[in-house]
Amino acid sequence: MATGTPTTNSHSGKHRLEPEIEKYRLELNWTKILDKLKSAKVSEYVKFLEGEAQLEYYLQQYPLTDYRHIEQSQNDLIRVENLLK
């Protein structure tokens, strides 16, 4: 699990967002993380967190042993790859 501190434009926003993100990471609740990140104005670190959440969510939706959705999986992974660039 990666470490770091997401920051927002307001000091109080940082203190609210950080514990929520960490709580959802521990719960493996990647959709909640994605929802929080979409509504927050945060630093570059959030791109990493969003990429992590997208990848983890992808793995939940498409297990590595499930080959039925290869085309959709490739599109999702390309989107995540572009986010992390």
PDB file of N, CA and C in Angstrom:
ATOM      1  N   MET A   1       0.845  -1.167   0.000  1.00  0.00           N
ATOM      2  CA  MET A   1       0.000   0.000   0.000  1.00  0.00           C
ATOM      3  C   MET A   1       0.893   1.233   0.000  1.00  0.00           C
ATOM      4  N   ALA A   2       0.600   2.187  -0.829  1.00  0.00           N
ATOM      5  CA  ALA A   2       1.402   3.394  -0.944  1.00  0.00           C
ATOM      6  C   ALA A   2       1.136   4.313   0.231  1.00  0.00           C
ATOM      7  N   THR A   3       2.119   5.135   0.544  1.00  0.00           N
ATOM      8  CA  THR A   3       1.931   6.109   1.600  1.00  0.00           C
ATOM      9  C   THR A   3       2.104   7.489   1.024  1.00  0.00           C
ATOM     10  N   GLY A   4       1.570   8.466   1.702  1.00  0.00           N
ATOM     11  CA  GLY A   4       1.651   9.838   1.252  1.00  0.00           C
ATOM     12  C   GLY A   4       0.439  10.574   1.765  1.00  0.00           C
ATOM     13  N   THR A   5       0.446  11.883   1.576  1.00  0.00           N
ATOM     14  CA  THR A   5      -0.628  12.686   2.097  1.00  0.00           C
ATOM     15  C   THR A   5      -1.257  13.510   0.997  1.00  0.00           C
ATOM     16  N   PRO A   6      -2.516  13.266   0.673  1.00  0.00           N
ATOM     17  CA  PRO A   6      -3.173  14.121  -0.294  1.00  0.00           C
ATOM     18  C   PRO A   6      -3.422  15.487   0.319  1.00  0.00           C
ATOM     19  N   THR A   7      -3.265  16.528  -0.468  1.00  0.00           N
ATOM     20  CA  THR A   7      -3.506  17.864   0.048  1.00  0.00           C
ATOM     21  C   THR A   7      -4.569  18.542  -0.783  1.00  0.00           C
ATOM     22  N   THR A   8      -5.348  19.383  -0.121  1.00  0.00           N
ATOM     23  CA  THR A   8      -6.363  20.153  -0.820  1.00  0.00           C
ATOM     24  C   THR A   8      -5.979  21.610  -0.777  1.00  0.00           C
ATOM     25  N   ASN A   9      -6.741  22.427  -1.486  1.00  0.00           N
ATOM     26  CA  ASN A   9      -6.471  23.851  -1.497  1.00  0.00           C
ATOM     27  C   ASN A   9      -6.752  24.489  -0.153  1.00  0.00           C
ATOM     28  N   SER A  10      -7.646  23.939   0.631  1.00  0.00           N
ATOM     29  CA  SER A  10      -7.923  24.481   1.954  1.00  0.00           C
ATOM     30  C   SER A  10      -7.351  23.553   3.014  1.00  0.00           C
ATOM     31  N   HIS A  11      -6.832  24.139   4.074  1.00  0.00           N
ATOM     32  CA  HIS A  11      -6.201  23.365   5.147  1.00  0.00           C
ATOM     33  C   HIS A  11      -7.204  22.418   5.799  1.00  0.00           C
ATOM     34  N   SER A  12      -8.426  22.892   6.050  1.00  0.00           N
ATOM     35  CA  SER A  12      -9.423  22.034   6.700  1.00  0.00           C
ATOM     36  C   SER A  12      -9.875  20.898   5.792  1.00  0.00           C
ATOM     37  N   GLY A  13      -9.880  21.123   4.478  1.00  0.00           N
ATOM     38  CA  GLY A  13     -10.253  20.074   3.540  1.00  0.00           C
ATOM     39  C   GLY A  13      -9.301  18.905   3.596  1.00  0.00           C
ATOM     40  N   LYS A  14      -8.023  19.194   3.785  1.00  0.00           N
ATOM     41  CA  LYS A  14      -7.000  18.148   3.880  1.00  0.00           C
ATOM     42  C   LYS A  14      -7.281  17.243   5.064  1.00  0.00           C
ATOM     43  N   HIS A  15      -7.600  17.853   6.188  1.00  0.00           N
ATOM     44  CA  HIS A  15      -7.801  17.063   7.401  1.00  0.00           C
ATOM     45  C   HIS A  15      -9.044  16.187   7.322  1.00  0.00           C
ATOM     46  N   ARG A  16     -10.012  16.576   6.530  1.00  0.00           N
ATOM     47  CA  ARG A  16     -11.207  15.735   6.365  1.00  0.00           C
ATOM     48  C   ARG A  16     -10.957  14.618   5.365  1.00  0.00           C
ATOM     49  N   LEU A  17     -10.251  14.924   4.292  1.00  0.00           N
ATOM     50  CA  LEU A  17     -10.078  13.967   3.204  1.00  0.00           C
ATOM     51  C   LEU A  17      -9.119  12.838   3.565  1.00  0.00           C
ATOM     52  N   GLU A  18      -8.011  13.167   4.174  1.00  0.00           N
ATOM     53  CA  GLU A  18      -6.973  12.164   4.441  1.00  0.00           C
ATOM     54  C   GLU A  18      -7.474  10.969   5.246  1.00  0.00           C
ATOM     55  N   PRO A  19      -8.132  11.164   6.387  1.00  0.00           N
ATOM     56  CA  PRO A  19      -8.597   9.980   7.139  1.00  0.00           C
ATOM     57  C   PRO A  19      -9.664   9.182   6.394  1.00  0.00           C
ATOM     58  N   GLU A  20     -10.505   9.875   5.637  1.00  0.00           N
ATOM     59  CA  GLU A  20     -11.531   9.159   4.874  1.00  0.00           C
ATOM     60  C   GLU A  20     -10.895   8.273   3.814  1.00  0.00           C
ATOM     61  N   ILE A  21      -9.916   8.816   3.088  1.00  0.00           N
ATOM     62  CA  ILE A  21      -9.234   8.045   2.047  1.00  0.00           C
ATOM     63  C   ILE A  21      -8.552   6.828   2.664  1.00  0.00           C
ATOM     64  N   GLU A  22      -7.829   7.024   3.758  1.00  0.00           N
ATOM     65  CA  GLU A  22      -7.135   5.906   4.403  1.00  0.00           C
ATOM     66  C   GLU A  22      -8.118   4.860   4.910  1.00  0.00           C
ATOM     67  N   LYS A  23      -9.243   5.294   5.460  1.00  0.00           N
ATOM     68  CA  LYS A  23     -10.273   4.362   5.936  1.00  0.00           C
ATOM     69  C   LYS A  23     -10.781   3.504   4.779  1.00  0.00           C
ATOM     70  N   TYR A  24     -11.100   4.151   3.658  1.00  0.00           N
ATOM     71  CA  TYR A  24     -11.610   3.416   2.502  1.00  0.00           C
ATOM     72  C   TYR A  24     -10.550   2.511   1.890  1.00  0.00           C
ATOM     73  N   ARG A  25      -9.288   2.920   1.949  1.00  0.00           N
ATOM     74  CA  ARG A  25      -8.215   2.056   1.434  1.00  0.00           C
ATOM     75  C   ARG A  25      -8.121   0.786   2.274  1.00  0.00           C
ATOM     76  N   LEU A  26      -8.181   0.933   3.585  1.00  0.00           N
ATOM     77  CA  LEU A  26      -8.115  -0.238   4.465  1.00  0.00           C
ATOM     78  C   LEU A  26      -9.314  -1.161   4.258  1.00  0.00           C
ATOM     79  N   GLU A  27     -10.458  -0.572   3.937  1.00  0.00           N
ATOM     80  CA  GLU A  27     -11.666  -1.362   3.681  1.00  0.00           C
ATOM     81  C   GLU A  27     -11.705  -1.918   2.259  1.00  0.00           C
ATOM     82  N   LEU A  28     -10.725  -1.550   1.431  1.00  0.00           N
ATOM     83  CA  LEU A  28     -10.686  -1.919   0.011  1.00  0.00           C
ATOM     84  C   LEU A  28     -11.930  -1.420  -0.719  1.00  0.00           C
ATOM     85  N   ASN A  29     -12.408  -0.254  -0.305  1.00  0.00           N
ATOM     86  CA  ASN A  29     -13.611   0.341  -0.888  1.00  0.00           C
ATOM     87  C   ASN A  29     -13.194   1.363  -1.947  1.00  0.00           C
ATOM     88  N   TRP A  30     -12.785   0.860  -3.104  1.00  0.00           N
ATOM     89  CA  TRP A  30     -12.192   1.697  -4.158  1.00  0.00           C
ATOM     90  C   TRP A  30     -13.219   2.615  -4.804  1.00  0.00           C
ATOM     91  N   THR A  31     -14.475   2.221  -4.847  1.00  0.00           N
ATOM     92  CA  THR A  31     -15.483   3.106  -5.432  1.00  0.00           C
ATOM     93  C   THR A  31     -15.681   4.345  -4.570  1.00  0.00           C
ATOM     94  N   LYS A  32     -15.653   4.204  -3.256  1.00  0.00           N
ATOM     95  CA  LYS A  32     -15.775   5.366  -2.371  1.00  0.00           C
ATOM     96  C   LYS A  32     -14.589   6.305  -2.559  1.00  0.00           C
ATOM     97  N   ILE A  33     -13.400   5.741  -2.712  1.00  0.00           N
ATOM     98  CA  ILE A  33     -12.213   6.568  -2.939  1.00  0.00           C
ATOM     99  C   ILE A  33     -12.377   7.352  -4.231  1.00  0.00           C
ATOM    100  N   LEU A  34     -12.807   6.687  -5.285  1.00  0.00           N
ATOM    101  CA  LEU A  34     -12.997   7.374  -6.565  1.00  0.00           C
ATOM    102  C   LEU A  34     -14.024   8.491  -6.438  1.00  0.00           C
ATOM    103  N   ASP A  35     -15.102   8.246  -5.717  1.00  0.00           N
ATOM    104  CA  ASP A  35     -16.116   9.285  -5.506  1.00  0.00           C
ATOM    105  C   ASP A  35     -15.539  10.480  -4.757  1.00  0.00           C
ATOM    106  N   LYS A  36     -14.769  10.220  -3.708  1.00  0.00           N
ATOM    107  CA  LYS A  36     -14.156  11.302  -2.923  1.00  0.00           C
ATOM    108  C   LYS A  36     -13.178  12.108  -3.769  1.00  0.00           C
ATOM    109  N   LEU A  37     -12.371  11.427  -4.553  1.00  0.00           N
ATOM    110  CA  LEU A  37     -11.359  12.110  -5.355  1.00  0.00           C
ATOM    111  C   LEU A  37     -11.987  12.970  -6.438  1.00  0.00           C
ATOM    112  N   LYS A  38     -13.101  12.537  -6.987  1.00  0.00           N
ATOM    113  CA  LYS A  38     -13.778  13.328  -8.017  1.00  0.00           C
ATOM    114  C   LYS A  38     -14.291  14.645  -7.453  1.00  0.00           C
ATOM    115  N   SER A  39     -14.698  14.649  -6.195  1.00  0.00           N
ATOM    116  CA  SER A  39     -15.272  15.855  -5.604  1.00  0.00           C
ATOM    117  C   SER A  39     -14.239  16.738  -4.908  1.00  0.00           C
ATOM    118  N   ALA A  40     -13.017  16.273  -4.751  1.00  0.00           N
ATOM    119  CA  ALA A  40     -11.990  17.034  -4.034  1.00  0.00           C
ATOM    120  C   ALA A  40     -11.030  17.709  -5.003  1.00  0.00           C
ATOM    121  N   LYS A  41     -10.525  18.856  -4.597  1.00  0.00           N
ATOM    122  CA  LYS A  41      -9.473  19.532  -5.355  1.00  0.00           C
ATOM    123  C   LYS A  41      -8.174  19.235  -4.616  1.00  0.00           C
ATOM    124  N   VAL A  42      -7.371  18.377  -5.192  1.00  0.00           N
ATOM    125  CA  VAL A  42      -6.204  17.886  -4.476  1.00  0.00           C
ATOM    126  C   VAL A  42      -4.962  17.913  -5.343  1.00  0.00           C
ATOM    127  N   SER A  43      -3.845  17.599  -4.717  1.00  0.00           N
ATOM    128  CA  SER A  43      -2.539  17.661  -5.372  1.00  0.00           C
ATOM    129  C   SER A  43      -2.311  16.518  -6.349  1.00  0.00           C
ATOM    130  N   GLU A  44      -1.129  16.477  -6.918  1.00  0.00           N
ATOM    131  CA  GLU A  44      -0.738  15.436  -7.866  1.00  0.00           C
ATOM    132  C   GLU A  44      -0.796  14.040  -7.248  1.00  0.00           C
ATOM    133  N   TYR A  45      -0.647  13.938  -5.955  1.00  0.00           N
ATOM    134  CA  TYR A  45      -0.696  12.636  -5.287  1.00  0.00           C
ATOM    135  C   TYR A  45      -2.018  11.928  -5.561  1.00  0.00           C
ATOM    136  N   VAL A  46      -3.058  12.713  -5.751  1.00  0.00           N
ATOM    137  CA  VAL A  46      -4.371  12.130  -5.993  1.00  0.00           C
ATOM    138  C   VAL A  46      -4.390  11.349  -7.293  1.00  0.00           C
ATOM    139  N   LYS A  47      -3.622  11.765  -8.284  1.00  0.00           N
ATOM    140  CA  LYS A  47      -3.551  10.995  -9.525  1.00  0.00           C
ATOM    141  C   LYS A  47      -3.075   9.577  -9.230  1.00  0.00           C
ATOM    142  N   PHE A  48      -2.099   9.462  -8.332  1.00  0.00           N
ATOM    143  CA  PHE A  48      -1.624   8.137  -7.949  1.00  0.00           C
ATOM    144  C   PHE A  48      -2.719   7.357  -7.233  1.00  0.00           C
ATOM    145  N   LEU A  49      -3.383   7.997  -6.270  1.00  0.00           N
ATOM    146  CA  LEU A  49      -4.456   7.322  -5.536  1.00  0.00           C
ATOM    147  C   LEU A  49      -5.594   6.913  -6.464  1.00  0.00           C
ATOM    148  N   GLU A  50      -5.930   7.790  -7.397  1.00  0.00           N
ATOM    149  CA  GLU A  50      -7.003   7.459  -8.329  1.00  0.00           C
ATOM    150  C   GLU A  50      -6.603   6.285  -9.217  1.00  0.00           C
ATOM    151  N   GLY A  51      -5.345   6.275  -9.662  1.00  0.00           N
ATOM    152  CA  GLY A  51      -4.857   5.149 -10.451  1.00  0.00           C
ATOM    153  C   GLY A  51      -4.895   3.855  -9.662  1.00  0.00           C
ATOM    154  N   GLU A  52      -4.464   3.931  -8.404  1.00  0.00           N
ATOM    155  CA  GLU A  52      -4.504   2.752  -7.537  1.00  0.00           C
ATOM    156  C   GLU A  52      -5.939   2.251  -7.376  1.00  0.00           C
ATOM    157  N   ALA A  53      -6.846   3.176  -7.094  1.00  0.00           N
ATOM    158  CA  ALA A  53      -8.242   2.794  -6.890  1.00  0.00           C
ATOM    159  C   ALA A  53      -8.848   2.215  -8.166  1.00  0.00           C
ATOM    160  N   GLN A  54      -8.529   2.822  -9.315  1.00  0.00           N
ATOM    161  CA  GLN A  54      -9.040   2.304 -10.585  1.00  0.00           C
ATOM    162  C   GLN A  54      -8.540   0.880 -10.832  1.00  0.00           C
ATOM    163  N   LEU A  55      -7.258   0.649 -10.589  1.00  0.00           N
ATOM    164  CA  LEU A  55      -6.697  -0.690 -10.800  1.00  0.00           C
ATOM    165  C   LEU A  55      -7.294  -1.715  -9.843  1.00  0.00           C
ATOM    166  N   GLU A  56      -7.410  -1.347  -8.578  1.00  0.00           N
ATOM    167  CA  GLU A  56      -7.974  -2.274  -7.597  1.00  0.00           C
ATOM    168  C   GLU A  56      -9.444  -2.560  -7.899  1.00  0.00           C
ATOM    169  N   TYR A  57     -10.181  -1.531  -8.285  1.00  0.00           N
ATOM    170  CA  TYR A  57     -11.585  -1.723  -8.653  1.00  0.00           C
ATOM    171  C   TYR A  57     -11.686  -2.638  -9.871  1.00  0.00           C
ATOM    172  N   TYR A  58     -10.825  -2.418 -10.826  1.00  0.00           N
ATOM    173  CA  TYR A  58     -10.771  -3.257 -12.029  1.00  0.00           C
ATOM    174  C   TYR A  58     -10.554  -4.723 -11.644  1.00  0.00           C
ATOM    175  N   LEU A  59      -9.612  -4.974 -10.732  1.00  0.00           N
ATOM    176  CA  LEU A  59      -9.328  -6.353 -10.323  1.00  0.00           C
ATOM    177  C   LEU A  59     -10.522  -6.989  -9.612  1.00  0.00           C
ATOM    178  N   GLN A  60     -11.285  -6.171  -8.889  1.00  0.00           N
ATOM    179  CA  GLN A  60     -12.493  -6.702  -8.255  1.00  0.00           C
ATOM    180  C   GLN A  60     -13.548  -7.056  -9.296  1.00  0.00           C
ATOM    181  N   GLN A  61     -13.683  -6.222 -10.307  1.00  0.00           N
ATOM    182  CA  GLN A  61     -14.699  -6.435 -11.331  1.00  0.00           C
ATOM    183  C   GLN A  61     -14.321  -7.534 -12.319  1.00  0.00           C
ATOM    184  N   TYR A  62     -13.036  -7.619 -12.631  1.00  0.00           N
ATOM    185  CA  TYR A  62     -12.549  -8.568 -13.634  1.00  0.00           C
ATOM    186  C   TYR A  62     -11.399  -9.388 -13.045  1.00  0.00           C
ATOM    187  N   PRO A  63     -11.701 -10.457 -12.340  1.00  0.00           N
ATOM    188  CA  PRO A  63     -10.633 -11.291 -11.776  1.00  0.00           C
ATOM    189  C   PRO A  63      -9.677 -11.770 -12.866  1.00  0.00           C
ATOM    190  N   LEU A  64      -8.440 -11.976 -12.479  1.00  0.00           N
ATOM    191  CA  LEU A  64      -7.416 -12.358 -13.450  1.00  0.00           C
ATOM    192  C   LEU A  64      -7.742 -13.665 -14.166  1.00  0.00           C
ATOM    193  N   THR A  65      -8.598 -14.478 -13.599  1.00  0.00           N
ATOM    194  CA  THR A  65      -8.953 -15.756 -14.228  1.00  0.00           C
ATOM    195  C   THR A  65     -10.170 -15.654 -15.141  1.00  0.00           C
ATOM    196  N   ASP A  66     -10.769 -14.471 -15.237  1.00  0.00           N
ATOM    197  CA  ASP A  66     -11.977 -14.281 -16.048  1.00  0.00           C
ATOM    198  C   ASP A  66     -11.606 -13.620 -17.372  1.00  0.00           C
ATOM    199  N   TYR A  67     -11.659 -14.381 -18.451  1.00  0.00           N
ATOM    200  CA  TYR A  67     -11.232 -13.890 -19.762  1.00  0.00           C
ATOM    201  C   TYR A  67     -12.406 -13.470 -20.650  1.00  0.00           C
ATOM    202  N   ARG A  68     -13.594 -13.358 -20.089  1.00  0.00           N
ATOM    203  CA  ARG A  68     -14.784 -13.061 -20.895  1.00  0.00           C
ATOM    204  C   ARG A  68     -14.865 -11.607 -21.350  1.00  0.00           C
ATOM    205  N   HIS A  69     -14.186 -10.706 -20.659  1.00  0.00           N
ATOM    206  CA  HIS A  69     -14.333  -9.277 -20.939  1.00  0.00           C
ATOM    207  C   HIS A  69     -13.001  -8.646 -21.327  1.00  0.00           C
ATOM    208  N   ILE A  70     -12.261  -9.301 -22.178  1.00  0.00           N
ATOM    209  CA  ILE A  70     -10.911  -8.847 -22.512  1.00  0.00           C
ATOM    210  C   ILE A  70     -10.921  -7.456 -23.138  1.00  0.00           C
ATOM    211  N   GLU A  71     -11.785  -7.196 -24.093  1.00  0.00           N
ATOM    212  CA  GLU A  71     -11.794  -5.888 -24.766  1.00  0.00           C
ATOM    213  C   GLU A  71     -12.116  -4.765 -23.784  1.00  0.00           C
ATOM    214  N   GLN A  72     -13.134  -4.942 -22.956  1.00  0.00           N
ATOM    215  CA  GLN A  72     -13.479  -3.928 -21.959  1.00  0.00           C
ATOM    216  C   GLN A  72     -12.335  -3.752 -20.971  1.00  0.00           C
ATOM    217  N   SER A  73     -11.706  -4.834 -20.582  1.00  0.00           N
ATOM    218  CA  SER A  73     -10.584  -4.767 -19.656  1.00  0.00           C
ATOM    219  C   SER A  73      -9.448  -3.951 -20.247  1.00  0.00           C
ATOM    220  N   GLN A  74      -9.149  -4.167 -21.507  1.00  0.00           N
ATOM    221  CA  GLN A  74      -8.070  -3.420 -22.157  1.00  0.00           C
ATOM    222  C   GLN A  74      -8.390  -1.931 -22.193  1.00  0.00           C
ATOM    223  N   ASN A  75      -9.630  -1.573 -22.498  1.00  0.00           N
ATOM    224  CA  ASN A  75     -10.031  -0.164 -22.511  1.00  0.00           C
ATOM    225  C   ASN A  75      -9.895   0.464 -21.130  1.00  0.00           C
ATOM    226  N   ASP A  76     -10.317  -0.249 -20.095  1.00  0.00           N
ATOM    227  CA  ASP A  76     -10.206   0.258 -18.730  1.00  0.00           C
ATOM    228  C   ASP A  76      -8.750   0.464 -18.339  1.00  0.00           C
ATOM    229  N   LEU A  77      -7.905  -0.492 -18.683  1.00  0.00           N
ATOM    230  CA  LEU A  77      -6.490  -0.385 -18.328  1.00  0.00           C
ATOM    231  C   LEU A  77      -5.798   0.739 -19.092  1.00  0.00           C
ATOM    232  N   ILE A  78      -6.181   0.977 -20.319  1.00  0.00           N
ATOM    233  CA  ILE A  78      -5.613   2.095 -21.083  1.00  0.00           C
ATOM    234  C   ILE A  78      -5.988   3.416 -20.417  1.00  0.00           C
ATOM    235  N   ARG A  79      -7.231   3.531 -19.961  1.00  0.00           N
ATOM    236  CA  ARG A  79      -7.676   4.739 -19.267  1.00  0.00           C
ATOM    237  C   ARG A  79      -6.847   4.968 -17.995  1.00  0.00           C
ATOM    238  N   VAL A  80      -6.600   3.915 -17.229  1.00  0.00           N
ATOM    239  CA  VAL A  80      -5.794   4.032 -16.012  1.00  0.00           C
ATOM    240  C   VAL A  80      -4.351   4.371 -16.363  1.00  0.00           C
ATOM    241  N   GLU A  81      -3.811   3.731 -17.388  1.00  0.00           N
ATOM    242  CA  GLU A  81      -2.438   4.013 -17.810  1.00  0.00           C
ATOM    243  C   GLU A  81      -2.279   5.487 -18.174  1.00  0.00           C
ATOM    244  N   ASN A  82      -3.228   6.047 -18.894  1.00  0.00           N
ATOM    245  CA  ASN A  82      -3.170   7.460 -19.268  1.00  0.00           C
ATOM    246  C   ASN A  82      -3.265   8.363 -18.050  1.00  0.00           C
ATOM    247  N   LEU A  83      -4.043   7.972 -17.072  1.00  0.00           N
ATOM    248  CA  LEU A  83      -4.164   8.743 -15.842  1.00  0.00           C
ATOM    249  C   LEU A  83      -2.839   8.802 -15.095  1.00  0.00           C
ATOM    250  N   LEU A  84      -2.102   7.709 -15.105  1.00  0.00           N
ATOM    251  CA  LEU A  84      -0.851   7.636 -14.349  1.00  0.00           C
ATOM    252  C   LEU A  84       0.344   8.244 -15.077  1.00  0.00           C
ATOM    253  N   LYS A  85       0.183   8.638 -16.326  1.00  0.00           N
ATOM    254  CA  LYS A  85       1.291   9.248 -17.083  1.00  0.00           C
ATOM    255  C   LYS A  85       1.578  10.639 -16.604  1.00  0.00           C
TER     256      LYS A  85
END
